[in-house]
Amino acid sequence: MAIENLPSDPMMLLSFTNTRLRDEGINLDDFCSQFQVDKSFIEEKLDKIGYTYNNELNKFI
């Protein structure tokens, strides 16, 4: 999969990302690898709506 398959709306991206992290049991690095996207792209886009990645919980909060 590639970045084109990710939702462009930040809230939808948040939901999509957290769901994939939870349901597939993968971490953010693996998620980014699957979608061929830089981790900083996801983190920056979600930071704009007030969410940051929590490594311990493995989700954006």
Protein backbone atom coordinates (compact mmCIF):
# COMPACT_ATOMS: atom_id res chain seq x y z
CA MET A 1 0.00 0.00 0.00
CA ALA A 2 1.07 3.56 -0.47
CA ILE A 3 0.36 6.96 0.97
CA GLU A 4 -2.41 7.48 -1.60
CA ASN A 5 -4.44 4.92 0.36
CA LEU A 6 -4.39 7.00 3.55
CA PRO A 7 -7.28 9.30 4.44
CA SER A 8 -6.45 12.95 3.76
CA ASP A 9 -8.74 14.33 6.49
CA PRO A 10 -6.74 14.49 9.75
CA MET A 11 -9.56 13.11 11.94
CA MET A 12 -10.11 10.21 9.55
CA LEU A 13 -6.36 9.62 9.46
CA LEU A 14 -6.32 9.52 13.26
CA SER A 15 -9.10 6.97 13.39
CA PHE A 16 -7.63 4.89 10.57
CA THR A 17 -4.14 4.89 12.07
CA ASN A 18 -5.17 4.03 15.62
CA THR A 19 -7.48 1.29 14.36
CA ARG A 20 -4.72 -0.30 12.28
CA LEU A 21 -2.23 -0.05 15.15
CA ARG A 22 -4.69 -1.73 17.50
CA ASP A 23 -6.24 -4.34 15.22
CA GLU A 24 -3.05 -5.46 13.49
CA GLY A 25 -0.85 -5.26 16.58
CA ILE A 26 1.79 -3.27 14.73
CA ASN A 27 3.76 -0.23 15.82
CA LEU A 28 3.94 3.15 14.10
CA ASP A 29 7.16 2.27 12.29
CA ASP A 30 5.56 -0.84 10.78
CA PHE A 31 2.45 1.15 9.85
CA CYS A 32 4.57 3.73 8.05
CA SER A 33 6.48 1.01 6.26
CA GLN A 34 3.23 -0.59 5.06
CA PHE A 35 2.01 2.70 3.63
CA GLN A 36 5.42 3.87 2.40
CA VAL A 37 5.16 7.13 4.31
CA ASP A 38 7.61 8.95 6.54
CA LYS A 39 6.74 8.73 10.20
CA SER A 40 7.19 12.50 10.48
CA PHE A 41 4.41 13.02 7.89
CA ILE A 42 1.88 11.18 10.08
CA GLU A 43 3.13 12.75 13.31
CA GLU A 44 3.07 16.29 11.90
CA LYS A 45 -0.37 15.93 10.33
CA LEU A 46 -1.89 14.61 13.57
CA ASP A 47 0.02 17.10 15.71
CA LYS A 48 -1.85 19.86 13.87
CA ILE A 49 -5.09 18.59 15.41
CA GLY A 50 -3.55 18.11 18.85
CA TYR A 51 -2.59 14.42 18.80
CA THR A 52 0.81 12.91 19.52
CA TYR A 53 1.98 9.33 19.34
CA ASN A 54 2.34 7.53 22.66
CA ASN A 55 4.82 4.71 22.20
CA GLU A 56 3.82 2.99 25.43
CA LEU A 57 0.12 2.88 24.49
CA ASN A 58 0.89 2.46 20.76
CA LYS A 59 -1.66 5.03 19.69
CA PHE A 60 -2.15 8.71 19.07
CA ILE A 61 -3.63 10.52 22.06
